[in-house]
C-alpha atoms as a PDB file:
ATOM      1  CA  MET A   1      -0.143   0.149   0.186  1.00  0.00           C
ATOM      2  CA  ILE A   2       1.185   3.424  -0.764  1.00  0.00           C
ATOM      3  CA  GLN A   3       2.408   5.334   2.048  1.00  0.00           C
ATOM      4  CA  PRO A   4       0.042   8.661   2.652  1.00  0.00           C
ATOM      5  CA  LEU A   5       1.813  11.797   2.312  1.00  0.00           C
ATOM      6  CA  VAL A   6       0.686  15.439   3.069  1.00  0.00           C
ATOM      7  CA  ILE A   7       2.909  18.194   1.745  1.00  0.00           C
ATOM      8  CA  ALA A   8       2.584  21.832   3.115  1.00  0.00           C
ATOM      9  CA  ASN A   9       3.511  24.495   0.799  1.00  0.00           C
ATOM     10  CA  TRP A  10       4.046  27.412   2.730  1.00  0.00           C
ATOM     11  CA  LYS A  11       4.397  29.376  -0.479  1.00  0.00           C
ATOM     12  CA  MET A  12       5.697  33.293  -0.027  1.00  0.00           C
ATOM     13  CA  ASN A  13       4.877  33.354   3.459  1.00  0.00           C
ATOM     14  CA  GLY A  14       6.362  33.008   6.838  1.00  0.00           C
ATOM     15  CA  SER A  15       8.639  35.342   9.562  1.00  0.00           C
ATOM     16  CA  TYR A  16      11.183  34.138  12.119  1.00  0.00           C
ATOM     17  CA  ALA A  17       8.405  34.384  14.482  1.00  0.00           C
ATOM     18  CA  ALA A  18       5.427  33.019  12.754  1.00  0.00           C
ATOM     19  CA  ASN A  19       7.352  30.136  12.044  1.00  0.00           C
ATOM     20  CA  TYR A  20       8.209  29.502  15.717  1.00  0.00           C
ATOM     21  CA  SER A  21       4.727  29.309  16.863  1.00  0.00           C
ATOM     22  CA  LEU A  22       3.603  27.888  13.851  1.00  0.00           C
ATOM     23  CA  LEU A  23       5.999  24.543  14.732  1.00  0.00           C
ATOM     24  CA  THR A  24       5.432  25.198  18.132  1.00  0.00           C
ATOM     25  CA  TYR A  25       1.710  24.375  17.731  1.00  0.00           C
ATOM     26  CA  LEU A  26       1.684  21.800  15.192  1.00  0.00           C
ATOM     27  CA  LEU A  27       5.090  19.366  15.762  1.00  0.00           C
ATOM     28  CA  PRO A  28       3.658  17.744  18.957  1.00  0.00           C
ATOM     29  CA  ASP A  29       0.451  16.718  17.327  1.00  0.00           C
ATOM     30  CA  ILE A  30       1.870  15.859  13.875  1.00  0.00           C
ATOM     31  CA  ALA A  31       3.604  13.127  15.911  1.00  0.00           C
ATOM     32  CA  VAL A  32       0.854  11.187  15.959  1.00  0.00           C
ATOM     33  CA  ASN A  33      -0.045  10.193  12.903  1.00  0.00           C
ATOM     34  CA  ARG A  34       2.308   7.086  12.709  1.00  0.00           C
ATOM     35  CA  ARG A  35       1.469   6.107   9.274  1.00  0.00           C
ATOM     36  CA  THR A  36       0.912   9.429   7.530  1.00  0.00           C
ATOM     37  CA  ARG A  37       4.211  11.213   6.269  1.00  0.00           C
ATOM     38  CA  VAL A  38       4.614  15.001   6.524  1.00  0.00           C
ATOM     39  CA  ALA A  39       6.712  17.813   5.061  1.00  0.00           C
ATOM     40  CA  LEU A  40       6.901  21.581   4.981  1.00  0.00           C
ATOM     41  CA  CYS A  41       8.057  23.042   2.339  1.00  0.00           C
ATOM     42  CA  PRO A  42       8.723  27.109   3.633  1.00  0.00           C
ATOM     43  CA  PRO A  43      10.312  29.863   1.415  1.00  0.00           C
ATOM     44  CA  PHE A  44      13.880  29.529   0.975  1.00  0.00           C
ATOM     45  CA  PRO A  45      15.118  31.983   3.061  1.00  0.00           C
ATOM     46  CA  TYR A  46      13.646  29.844   6.372  1.00  0.00           C
ATOM     47  CA  LEU A  47      15.113  26.180   5.231  1.00  0.00           C
ATOM     48  CA  ALA A  48      17.398  26.490   7.622  1.00  0.00           C
ATOM     49  CA  GLN A  49      15.444  27.770  10.654  1.00  0.00           C
ATOM     50  CA  VAL A  50      12.757  25.379   9.843  1.00  0.00           C
ATOM     51  CA  GLY A  51      14.622  22.233   9.217  1.00  0.00           C
ATOM     52  CA  GLN A  52      16.680  23.045  12.511  1.00  0.00           C
ATOM     53  CA  ARG A  53      13.091  22.894  14.390  1.00  0.00           C
ATOM     54  CA  LEU A  54      12.533  19.407  11.918  1.00  0.00           C
ATOM     55  CA  ILE A  55      15.677  17.539  13.616  1.00  0.00           C
ATOM     56  CA  GLY A  56      14.229  14.383  15.662  1.00  0.00           C
ATOM     57  CA  SER A  57      10.866  15.246  14.411  1.00  0.00           C
ATOM     58  CA  PRO A  58       9.398  12.687  12.144  1.00  0.00           C
ATOM     59  CA  VAL A  59       7.929  15.655   9.707  1.00  0.00           C
ATOM     60  CA  TRP A  60      10.692  16.070   7.027  1.00  0.00           C
ATOM     61  CA  LEU A  61      11.717  18.975   5.290  1.00  0.00           C
ATOM     62  CA  GLY A  62      10.810  19.836   1.517  1.00  0.00           C
ATOM     63  CA  ALA A  63      11.307  23.019  -0.763  1.00  0.00           C
ATOM     64  CA  GLN A  64       9.528  24.966  -3.307  1.00  0.00           C
ATOM     65  CA  ASN A  65      11.213  25.110  -6.414  1.00  0.00           C
ATOM     66  CA  VAL A  66      15.211  24.692  -7.839  1.00  0.00           C
ATOM     67  CA  ASN A  67      17.031  25.751 -10.964  1.00  0.00           C
ATOM     68  CA  GLN A  68      18.436  22.699 -12.775  1.00  0.00           C
ATOM     69  CA  HIS A  69      22.157  23.608 -13.196  1.00  0.00           C
ATOM     70  CA  ALA A  70      24.442  22.433 -10.648  1.00  0.00           C
ATOM     71  CA  SER A  71      26.217  25.882 -10.017  1.00  0.00           C
ATOM     72  CA  GLY A  72      27.359  28.718 -12.237  1.00  0.00           C
ATOM     73  CA  ALA A  73      25.950  31.871 -13.591  1.00  0.00           C
ATOM     74  CA  GLN A  74      22.463  31.677 -12.387  1.00  0.00           C
ATOM     75  CA  THR A  75      22.081  34.726  -9.542  1.00  0.00           C
ATOM     76  CA  GLY A  76      19.459  34.295  -7.530  1.00  0.00           C
ATOM     77  CA  GLU A  77      18.439  30.813  -8.286  1.00  0.00           C
ATOM     78  CA  VAL A  78      19.095  27.727  -5.820  1.00  0.00           C
ATOM     79  CA  SER A  79      21.026  24.128  -6.621  1.00  0.00           C
ATOM     80  CA  VAL A  80      19.575  20.739  -5.769  1.00  0.00           C
ATOM     81  CA  LEU A  81      22.830  20.602  -4.234  1.00  0.00           C
ATOM     82  CA  MET A  82      22.291  23.232  -2.016  1.00  0.00           C
ATOM     83  CA  LEU A  83      18.720  22.251  -1.129  1.00  0.00           C
ATOM     84  CA  ARG A  84      20.375  18.606  -0.143  1.00  0.00           C
ATOM     85  CA  GLU A  85      23.192  20.368   2.465  1.00  0.00           C
ATOM     86  CA  LEU A  86      20.120  22.297   4.341  1.00  0.00           C
ATOM     87  CA  GLY A  87      18.724  18.777   4.659  1.00  0.00           C
ATOM     88  CA  CYS A  88      15.513  18.957   1.858  1.00  0.00           C
ATOM     89  CA  GLU A  89      13.718  15.761   1.035  1.00  0.00           C
ATOM     90  CA  TYR A  90      11.367  16.248  -1.509  1.00  0.00           C
ATOM     91  CA  VAL A  91      11.418  19.830  -4.080  1.00  0.00           C
ATOM     92  CA  LEU A  92       8.124  21.093  -5.813  1.00  0.00           C
ATOM     93  CA  VAL A  93       8.564  21.217  -9.479  1.00  0.00           C
ATOM     94  CA  GLY A  94       6.364  22.607 -12.210  1.00  0.00           C
ATOM     95  CA  HIS A  95       4.308  24.333  -9.518  1.00  0.00           C
ATOM     96  CA  SER A  96       1.061  25.778 -11.319  1.00  0.00           C
ATOM     97  CA  GLU A  97       2.494  29.249 -10.197  1.00  0.00           C
ATOM     98  CA  ARG A  98       5.992  28.185 -11.139  1.00  0.00           C
ATOM     99  CA  ARG A  99       4.373  27.758 -14.869  1.00  0.00           C
ATOM    100  CA  ALA A 100       2.297  31.137 -15.086  1.00  0.00           C
ATOM    101  CA  MET A 101       5.805  32.947 -14.921  1.00  0.00           C
ATOM    102  CA  GLY A 102       6.930  31.071 -17.755  1.00  0.00           C
ATOM    103  CA  GLU A 103       7.971  27.756 -16.636  1.00  0.00           C
ATOM    104  CA  ASP A 104       7.698  25.112 -19.345  1.00  0.00           C
ATOM    105  CA  ASP A 105       7.136  21.274 -19.513  1.00  0.00           C
ATOM    106  CA  ALA A 106      10.802  20.906 -21.054  1.00  0.00           C
ATOM    107  CA  THR A 107      12.621  23.009 -17.894  1.00  0.00           C
ATOM    108  CA  ALA A 108      10.481  21.078 -15.563  1.00  0.00           C
ATOM    109  CA  ALA A 109      11.589  17.783 -16.843  1.00  0.00           C
ATOM    110  CA  ALA A 110      15.306  19.201 -16.127  1.00  0.00           C
ATOM    111  CA  LYS A 111      14.106  20.614 -12.926  1.00  0.00           C
ATOM    112  CA  PHE A 112      12.681  16.851 -12.279  1.00  0.00           C
ATOM    113  CA  ALA A 113      15.991  15.040 -13.429  1.00  0.00           C
ATOM    114  CA  ALA A 114      18.519  17.341 -11.154  1.00  0.00           C
ATOM    115  CA  ILE A 115      16.314  16.553  -8.001  1.00  0.00           C
ATOM    116  CA  GLU A 116      16.249  12.930  -8.824  1.00  0.00           C
ATOM    117  CA  ALA A 117      19.859  12.367  -9.904  1.00  0.00           C
ATOM    118  CA  ALA A 118      20.654  14.082  -6.882  1.00  0.00           C
ATOM    119  CA  GLY A 119      18.843  11.752  -4.438  1.00  0.00           C
ATOM    120  CA  LEU A 120      16.133  13.967  -3.558  1.00  0.00           C
ATOM    121  CA  VAL A 121      12.539  13.188  -4.401  1.00  0.00           C
ATOM    122  CA  PRO A 122      10.633  15.159  -7.149  1.00  0.00           C
ATOM    123  CA  VAL A 123       7.137  16.213  -6.543  1.00  0.00           C
ATOM    124  CA  LEU A 124       5.683  16.972 -10.297  1.00  0.00           C
ATOM    125  CA  CYS A 125       2.945  19.166 -10.247  1.00  0.00           C
ATOM    126  CA  VAL A 126       0.565  19.225 -13.121  1.00  0.00           C
ATOM    127  CA  GLY A 127      -2.787  20.332 -13.505  1.00  0.00           C
ATOM    128  CA  GLU A 128      -5.210  22.757 -16.044  1.00  0.00           C
ATOM    129  CA  THR A 129      -6.022  25.749 -16.352  1.00  0.00           C
ATOM    130  CA  LEU A 130     -10.752  26.223 -15.729  1.00  0.00           C
ATOM    131  CA  GLU A 131     -10.288  27.347 -19.799  1.00  0.00           C
ATOM    132  CA  GLU A 132      -8.493  23.789 -20.303  1.00  0.00           C
ATOM    133  CA  ARG A 133     -11.077  22.216 -18.294  1.00  0.00           C
ATOM    134  CA  GLU A 134     -14.036  24.054 -19.838  1.00  0.00           C
ATOM    135  CA  ALA A 135     -13.125  23.195 -23.002  1.00  0.00           C
ATOM    136  CA  GLY A 136     -12.775  19.186 -22.063  1.00  0.00           C
ATOM    137  CA  GLN A 137      -8.957  19.797 -22.613  1.00  0.00           C
ATOM    138  CA  THR A 138      -8.071  17.878 -18.975  1.00  0.00           C
ATOM    139  CA  GLU A 139      -6.452  14.949 -19.973  1.00  0.00           C
ATOM    140  CA  ALA A 140      -4.395  16.324 -22.423  1.00  0.00           C
ATOM    141  CA  VAL A 141      -2.812  19.271 -20.269  1.00  0.00           C
ATOM    142  CA  VAL A 142      -2.472  16.498 -17.573  1.00  0.00           C
ATOM    143  CA  ALA A 143      -1.087  14.069 -20.722  1.00  0.00           C
ATOM    144  CA  ARG A 144       1.361  16.506 -22.249  1.00  0.00           C
ATOM    145  CA  GLN A 145       2.856  17.799 -18.760  1.00  0.00           C
ATOM    146  CA  ILE A 146       3.559  14.234 -17.832  1.00  0.00           C
ATOM    147  CA  GLU A 147       4.938  12.773 -21.148  1.00  0.00           C
ATOM    148  CA  ALA A 148       7.380  15.381 -21.049  1.00  0.00           C
ATOM    149  CA  VAL A 149       9.249  14.191 -18.258  1.00  0.00           C
ATOM    150  CA  ILE A 150       9.052  10.488 -18.802  1.00  0.00           C
ATOM    151  CA  ASP A 151      10.371  11.657 -22.643  1.00  0.00           C
ATOM    152  CA  ALA A 152      12.790  13.593 -21.001  1.00  0.00           C
ATOM    153  CA  VAL A 153      14.364  11.208 -18.170  1.00  0.00           C
ATOM    154  CA  GLY A 154      12.399   7.554 -18.791  1.00  0.00           C
ATOM    155  CA  VAL A 155       9.742   6.197 -16.474  1.00  0.00           C
ATOM    156  CA  ALA A 156      12.244   4.521 -14.315  1.00  0.00           C
ATOM    157  CA  ARG A 157      12.538   7.964 -12.509  1.00  0.00           C
ATOM    158  CA  PHE A 158       9.199   8.101 -11.257  1.00  0.00           C
ATOM    159  CA  VAL A 159      10.242   5.047  -8.632  1.00  0.00           C
ATOM    160  CA  ASP A 160      11.061   7.617  -6.079  1.00  0.00           C
ATOM    161  CA  ALA A 161       8.836  10.310  -6.776  1.00  0.00           C
ATOM    162  CA  VAL A 162       5.780  12.111  -6.496  1.00  0.00           C
ATOM    163  CA  VAL A 163       3.191  13.614  -8.721  1.00  0.00           C
ATOM    164  CA  ALA A 164       0.622  16.112  -7.398  1.00  0.00           C
ATOM    165  CA  TYR A 165      -2.772  16.956  -9.375  1.00  0.00           C
ATOM    166  CA  GLU A 166      -3.731  20.928  -8.360  1.00  0.00           C
ATOM    167  CA  PRO A 167      -6.399  22.147 -10.864  1.00  0.00           C
ATOM    168  CA  VAL A 168      -4.983  25.733 -11.431  1.00  0.00           C
ATOM    169  CA  TRP A 169      -8.723  27.260 -11.456  1.00  0.00           C
ATOM    170  CA  ALA A 170      -9.425  25.580  -7.782  1.00  0.00           C
ATOM    171  CA  ILE A 171      -5.941  26.964  -5.999  1.00  0.00           C
ATOM    172  CA  GLY A 172      -6.706  29.885  -3.847  1.00  0.00           C
ATOM    173  CA  THR A 173      -9.634  30.357  -4.976  1.00  0.00           C
ATOM    174  CA  GLY A 174     -11.474  28.727  -2.533  1.00  0.00           C
ATOM    175  CA  LYS A 175     -13.276  26.324  -4.869  1.00  0.00           C
ATOM    176  CA  THR A 176     -11.792  22.621  -5.073  1.00  0.00           C
ATOM    177  CA  ALA A 177     -13.112  19.525  -7.317  1.00  0.00           C
ATOM    178  CA  SER A 178     -14.952  17.417  -6.165  1.00  0.00           C
ATOM    179  CA  PRO A 179     -14.049  14.347  -4.483  1.00  0.00           C
ATOM    180  CA  GLU A 180     -15.122  12.273  -7.950  1.00  0.00           C
ATOM    181  CA  GLN A 181     -13.375  14.965 -10.133  1.00  0.00           C
ATOM    182  CA  ALA A 182     -10.011  14.091  -8.379  1.00  0.00           C
ATOM    183  CA  GLN A 183     -10.519  10.629  -8.456  1.00  0.00           C
ATOM    184  CA  GLU A 184     -10.882  10.912 -12.384  1.00  0.00           C
ATOM    185  CA  VAL A 185      -7.725  12.706 -12.935  1.00  0.00           C
ATOM    186  CA  HIS A 186      -5.819  10.746 -10.637  1.00  0.00           C
ATOM    187  CA  ALA A 187      -6.635   7.634 -12.306  1.00  0.00           C
ATOM    188  CA  HIS A 188      -5.828   9.197 -16.176  1.00  0.00           C
ATOM    189  CA  ILE A 189      -2.495   9.964 -14.126  1.00  0.00           C
ATOM    190  CA  ARG A 190      -1.857   6.330 -13.123  1.00  0.00           C
ATOM    191  CA  GLY A 191      -3.109   5.142 -15.857  1.00  0.00           C
ATOM    192  CA  LEU A 192      -0.471   6.841 -18.306  1.00  0.00           C
ATOM    193  CA  VAL A 193       2.593   6.235 -16.047  1.00  0.00           C
ATOM    194  CA  ALA A 194       1.209   2.604 -16.017  1.00  0.00           C
ATOM    195  CA  LEU A 195       0.932   2.640 -20.246  1.00  0.00           C
ATOM    196  CA  HIS A 196       4.963   2.832 -19.366  1.00  0.00           C
ATOM    197  CA  ASP A 197       5.351   0.562 -16.351  1.00  0.00           C
ATOM    198  CA  PRO A 198       2.501  -1.293 -14.851  1.00  0.00           C
ATOM    199  CA  HIS A 199       4.532  -1.742 -11.339  1.00  0.00           C
ATOM    200  CA  ILE A 200       5.466   2.187 -10.563  1.00  0.00           C
ATOM    201  CA  ALA A 201       2.213   3.400 -11.821  1.00  0.00           C
ATOM    202  CA  ARG A 202       1.176   1.253  -9.181  1.00  0.00           C
ATOM    203  CA  GLU A 203       3.449   2.298  -6.448  1.00  0.00           C
ATOM    204  CA  LEU A 204       3.279   5.897  -7.562  1.00  0.00           C
ATOM    205  CA  PRO A 205       1.580   8.913  -4.646  1.00  0.00           C
ATOM    206  CA  LEU A 206      -0.742  10.548  -6.391  1.00  0.00           C
ATOM    207  CA  LEU A 207      -1.441  14.289  -4.131  1.00  0.00           C
ATOM    208  CA  TYR A 208      -4.591  16.437  -4.483  1.00  0.00           C
ATOM    209  CA  GLY A 209      -3.525  19.862  -4.227  1.00  0.00           C
ATOM    210  CA  GLY A 210      -6.775  22.175  -5.205  1.00  0.00           C
ATOM    211  CA  SER A 211      -7.810  24.323  -2.187  1.00  0.00           C
ATOM    212  CA  VAL A 212      -8.011  20.792   0.117  1.00  0.00           C
ATOM    213  CA  LYS A 213      -9.393  22.059   3.802  1.00  0.00           C
ATOM    214  CA  PRO A 214     -10.296  19.929   6.792  1.00  0.00           C
ATOM    215  CA  ASP A 215     -13.994  20.390   5.454  1.00  0.00           C
ATOM    216  CA  ASN A 216     -13.221  18.665   2.234  1.00  0.00           C
ATOM    217  CA  ALA A 217     -10.059  16.439   2.867  1.00  0.00           C
ATOM    218  CA  ALA A 218     -11.705  13.438   4.187  1.00  0.00           C
ATOM    219  CA  SER A 219     -13.431  12.669   1.182  1.00  0.00           C
ATOM    220  CA  LEU A 220     -11.093  13.821  -0.715  1.00  0.00           C
ATOM    221  CA  PHE A 221      -8.621  11.176   0.250  1.00  0.00           C
ATOM    222  CA  GLN A 222     -11.269   8.211   0.673  1.00  0.00           C
ATOM    223  CA  GLN A 223     -10.759   8.015  -2.910  1.00  0.00           C
ATOM    224  CA  PRO A 224      -9.164   4.858  -3.785  1.00  0.00           C
ATOM    225  CA  ASP A 225      -6.001   7.090  -6.068  1.00  0.00           C
ATOM    226  CA  VAL A 226      -5.831   9.731  -3.886  1.00  0.00           C
ATOM    227  CA  ASN A 227      -2.850   9.438  -1.648  1.00  0.00           C
ATOM    228  CA  GLY A 228      -2.391  12.888   0.136  1.00  0.00           C
ATOM    229  CA  GLY A 229      -2.268  16.165  -0.281  1.00  0.00           C
ATOM    230  CA  LEU A 230      -0.380  19.160  -1.285  1.00  0.00           C
ATOM    231  CA  VAL A 231      -1.639  21.628   0.801  1.00  0.00           C
ATOM    232  CA  GLY A 232      -1.257  25.637   0.310  1.00  0.00           C
ATOM    233  CA  GLY A 233      -3.336  28.527   2.749  1.00  0.00           C
ATOM    234  CA  ALA A 234      -4.745  25.766   5.397  1.00  0.00           C
ATOM    235  CA  SER A 235      -1.069  24.674   6.032  1.00  0.00           C
ATOM    236  CA  LEU A 236      -0.481  28.061   7.680  1.00  0.00           C
ATOM    237  CA  ASP A 237      -3.016  27.124  10.331  1.00  0.00           C
ATOM    238  CA  ALA A 238      -2.071  24.309  12.397  1.00  0.00           C
ATOM    239  CA  SER A 239      -5.024  23.052  13.550  1.00  0.00           C
ATOM    240  CA  ALA A 240      -6.370  23.300   9.918  1.00  0.00           C
ATOM    241  CA  PHE A 241      -3.782  21.292   8.861  1.00  0.00           C
ATOM    242  CA  VAL A 242      -3.108  18.727  11.898  1.00  0.00           C
ATOM    243  CA  ALA A 243      -6.701  17.975  10.709  1.00  0.00           C
ATOM    244  CA  ILE A 244      -5.559  17.352   7.289  1.00  0.00           C
ATOM    245  CA  CYS A 245      -3.134  15.452   8.326  1.00  0.00           C
ATOM    246  CA  ASP A 246      -5.473  13.110  10.801  1.00  0.00           C
ATOM    247  CA  ALA A 247      -7.893  12.919   8.260  1.00  0.00           C
ATOM    248  CA  LEU A 248      -5.464  11.133   5.882  1.00  0.00           C
ATOM    249  CA  GLU A 249      -4.522   8.991   8.307  1.00  0.00           C
ATOM    250  CA  GLN A 250      -8.147   7.803   9.341  1.00  0.00           C
ATOM    251  CA  SER A 251      -8.892   7.314   5.737  1.00  0.00           C
ATOM    252  CA  HIS A 252      -5.203   5.218   4.987  1.00  0.00           C
ATOM    253  CA  ARG A 253      -6.396   2.840   8.607  1.00  0.00           C
ATOM    254  CA  ASP A 254      -9.848   2.879   7.037  1.00  0.00           C
ATOM    255  CA  ALA A 255      -8.254   1.506   3.662  1.00  0.00           C
ATOM    256  CA  ALA A 256      -6.212  -0.719   5.173  1.00  0.00           C
ATOM    257  CA  CYS A 257      -9.312  -2.465   7.229  1.00  0.00           C
ATOM    258  CA  GLN A 258     -11.216  -3.250   4.003  1.00  0.00           C
ATOM    259  CA  PRO A 259     -10.996  -7.371   2.572  1.00  0.00           C
ATOM    260  CA  VAL A 260      -8.445  -7.517  -0.277  1.00  0.00           C
END
């Protein structure tokens, strides 16, 4: 069974004081989730601070972005080796907000390759805009984004990867895909990967990342191909984020109790 996973994307939020307060309330409650893996992705300036607080805890450190080059004349950028030195385990790649800034499929694939080659876990973000969904292009858009990476690096690189489906129209809008809509796209993603390698597809963690909140988490996580969440705004509220993690933990327990 795929290990459930929740990743917090703090985006461009936080301060030393706010981070300290959030972690003080968050970490004791997260520690009781024995099966669910939890990772936090703070902004670059706070990776060291958060990483120090996570030492000895069951929570992992992640980053929101990375440059595909190992070093060099890349002003303002951060390499995967720097992230590894700071203790990062996960790195988001191809987030819709990065794609909106001009990051294309080829760049996302190059970043994915750099992350994986450094021994870290790439979290490939895919998803469609509202216009693309209304035009019936959801499956085609998601397929293009995933196939670009498979074509560039091969499906074997997905053995230790994560894919997060984040419908762009549901990010920061208060809207969310219905559990059935999320499951439909997640099943499509698993099927796409299965065309290349059925075993890798069966073991690939698929996260939902469109306005996950305590009041919709349980219904989303009950879907068979939704293995966790990529959580944005709700991850900045300790009680809300713990509730989401608890919902995933309970869903996983319930699934484990079902007859095979």
